[in-house]
Each structure stands twice: as C-alpha cells, then as structure tokens.
Amino acid sequence: MAIRLPRIVSAKKVPKGYFAVYVGEKPKRFVIPVSFLNQPSFQNLLDLSEEEFGYNHPTGGLRIPCDEDIFLDVTSRLN
C-alpha cells in the first residue's frame, strides 16, 4: 500500500519552490518543498547526507542515505 503525501510530488520537472532528493538503497526520487530545509528533523537528514557523501553528488541530485520508510515518516510530520 502506497502512502500519498500532499507535499511530496512526483514530477520530472521540479516546480518552483521545490527540489529533488534521492532516497533509499535503490534511489527513489522525491520532489519536496524548499520549506523543509528550515525544519530541524529534515536538517538531520541533510547532516546524514553530508557525512555519507560530502558535497559531491555526481548524479546531480541530493541523495539522502536513509530508508524510504524513514524519509516518508520524517517528511509526513513536517508543516
């Protein structure tokens, strides 16, 4: 059963005010609002990304090294 979150959209083009991240072992792309960047719980995910990958993301997208379920749980709690 898929969880649908209104703020996480699937789009090939990233709408204004959103950015793309890749999550999971087999990276899945999520397009999320930039307002998430101000949230402490999302900043924790960004810290994990920095520790794991540094600032070099050869795929061009930000990769977050956590399970998709954890990512969905964290983002579902954000305003």
C-alpha atoms as a PDB file:
ATOM      1  CA  MET A   1       0.000   0.000   0.000  1.00  0.00           C
ATOM      2  CA  ALA A   2       1.460   3.345  -1.048  1.00  0.00           C
ATOM      3  CA  ILE A   3       1.414   6.355   1.218  1.00  0.00           C
ATOM      4  CA  ARG A   4       0.401   9.539  -0.556  1.00  0.00           C
ATOM      5  CA  LEU A   5       1.651  12.774   0.919  1.00  0.00           C
ATOM      6  CA  PRO A   6       0.318  16.030  -0.484  1.00  0.00           C
ATOM      7  CA  ARG A   7       3.643  17.859  -0.189  1.00  0.00           C
ATOM      8  CA  ILE A   8       5.732  15.175  -1.832  1.00  0.00           C
ATOM      9  CA  VAL A   9       5.050  15.154  -5.523  1.00  0.00           C
ATOM     10  CA  SER A  10       6.349  13.065  -8.355  1.00  0.00           C
ATOM     11  CA  ALA A  11       7.361  15.176 -11.303  1.00  0.00           C
ATOM     12  CA  LYS A  12      10.013  15.093 -13.990  1.00  0.00           C
ATOM     13  CA  LYS A  13      10.244  18.876 -13.839  1.00  0.00           C
ATOM     14  CA  VAL A  14      10.796  20.393 -10.444  1.00  0.00           C
ATOM     15  CA  PRO A  15       8.181  23.085  -9.766  1.00  0.00           C
ATOM     16  CA  LYS A  16       9.228  26.452  -8.380  1.00  0.00           C
ATOM     17  CA  GLY A  17       9.620  26.239  -4.613  1.00  0.00           C
ATOM     18  CA  TYR A  18      10.536  22.529  -4.661  1.00  0.00           C
ATOM     19  CA  PHE A  19      13.705  20.465  -5.056  1.00  0.00           C
ATOM     20  CA  ALA A  20      14.513  16.848  -5.831  1.00  0.00           C
ATOM     21  CA  VAL A  21      16.139  14.351  -3.473  1.00  0.00           C
ATOM     22  CA  TYR A  22      17.004  10.693  -3.931  1.00  0.00           C
ATOM     23  CA  VAL A  23      16.273   8.322  -1.071  1.00  0.00           C
ATOM     24  CA  GLY A  24      16.921   4.656  -0.377  1.00  0.00           C
ATOM     25  CA  GLU A  25      19.278   1.910  -1.416  1.00  0.00           C
ATOM     26  CA  LYS A  26      17.781   1.838  -4.908  1.00  0.00           C
ATOM     27  CA  PRO A  27      17.369   5.610  -5.050  1.00  0.00           C
ATOM     28  CA  LYS A  28      13.817   6.811  -5.497  1.00  0.00           C
ATOM     29  CA  ARG A  29      13.271  10.422  -6.488  1.00  0.00           C
ATOM     30  CA  PHE A  30      11.086  12.716  -4.399  1.00  0.00           C
ATOM     31  CA  VAL A  31      10.263  16.335  -5.120  1.00  0.00           C
ATOM     32  CA  ILE A  32       9.735  18.207  -1.864  1.00  0.00           C
ATOM     33  CA  PRO A  33       9.128  21.827  -0.850  1.00  0.00           C
ATOM     34  CA  VAL A  34      12.112  24.020  -0.012  1.00  0.00           C
ATOM     35  CA  SER A  35      10.332  24.934   3.248  1.00  0.00           C
ATOM     36  CA  PHE A  36      11.509  21.545   4.558  1.00  0.00           C
ATOM     37  CA  LEU A  37      15.041  22.978   4.668  1.00  0.00           C
ATOM     38  CA  ASN A  38      14.106  25.038   7.730  1.00  0.00           C
ATOM     39  CA  GLN A  39      12.867  22.037   9.710  1.00  0.00           C
ATOM     40  CA  PRO A  40      15.277  20.531  12.285  1.00  0.00           C
ATOM     41  CA  SER A  41      14.221  16.951  11.535  1.00  0.00           C
ATOM     42  CA  PHE A  42      14.942  17.448   7.825  1.00  0.00           C
ATOM     43  CA  GLN A  43      18.232  19.140   8.648  1.00  0.00           C
ATOM     44  CA  ASN A  44      19.196  15.922  10.471  1.00  0.00           C
ATOM     45  CA  LEU A  45      18.665  14.032   7.207  1.00  0.00           C
ATOM     46  CA  LEU A  46      20.850  16.591   5.411  1.00  0.00           C
ATOM     47  CA  ASP A  47      23.571  16.056   8.021  1.00  0.00           C
ATOM     48  CA  LEU A  48      23.462  12.315   7.269  1.00  0.00           C
ATOM     49  CA  SER A  49      23.826  13.096   3.588  1.00  0.00           C
ATOM     50  CA  GLU A  50      26.848  15.314   4.217  1.00  0.00           C
ATOM     51  CA  GLU A  51      28.510  12.648   6.392  1.00  0.00           C
ATOM     52  CA  GLU A  52      27.893   9.914   3.822  1.00  0.00           C
ATOM     53  CA  PHE A  53      28.509  11.732   0.536  1.00  0.00           C
ATOM     54  CA  GLY A  54      30.038  15.114   1.335  1.00  0.00           C
ATOM     55  CA  TYR A  55      29.044  17.831  -1.076  1.00  0.00           C
ATOM     56  CA  ASN A  56      29.841  15.861  -4.213  1.00  0.00           C
ATOM     57  CA  HIS A  57      26.721  14.355  -5.759  1.00  0.00           C
ATOM     58  CA  PRO A  58      27.744  13.132  -9.221  1.00  0.00           C
ATOM     59  CA  THR A  59      24.138  12.301 -10.167  1.00  0.00           C
ATOM     60  CA  GLY A  60      23.279  15.987  -9.849  1.00  0.00           C
ATOM     61  CA  GLY A  61      20.669  15.393  -7.161  1.00  0.00           C
ATOM     62  CA  LEU A  62      20.858  15.384  -3.408  1.00  0.00           C
ATOM     63  CA  ARG A  63      20.982  11.854  -2.071  1.00  0.00           C
ATOM     64  CA  ILE A  64      19.753  11.122   1.451  1.00  0.00           C
ATOM     65  CA  PRO A  65      21.122   7.873   2.938  1.00  0.00           C
ATOM     66  CA  CYS A  66      18.113   6.501   4.797  1.00  0.00           C
ATOM     67  CA  ASP A  67      15.333   4.016   4.163  1.00  0.00           C
ATOM     68  CA  GLU A  68      12.397   5.291   2.180  1.00  0.00           C
ATOM     69  CA  ASP A  69      10.072   4.486   5.110  1.00  0.00           C
ATOM     70  CA  ILE A  70      12.097   6.675   7.471  1.00  0.00           C
ATOM     71  CA  PHE A  71      12.134   9.508   4.940  1.00  0.00           C
ATOM     72  CA  LEU A  72       8.364   9.296   4.486  1.00  0.00           C
ATOM     73  CA  ASP A  73       7.862   9.228   8.254  1.00  0.00           C
ATOM     74  CA  VAL A  74      10.024  12.317   8.789  1.00  0.00           C
ATOM     75  CA  THR A  75       8.524  14.310   5.924  1.00  0.00           C
ATOM     76  CA  SER A  76       4.941  13.388   6.840  1.00  0.00           C
ATOM     77  CA  ARG A  77       5.437  15.208  10.169  1.00  0.00           C
ATOM     78  CA  LEU A  78       6.667  18.471   8.620  1.00  0.00           C
ATOM     79  CA  ASN A  79       4.429  21.522   8.222  1.00  0.00           C
END
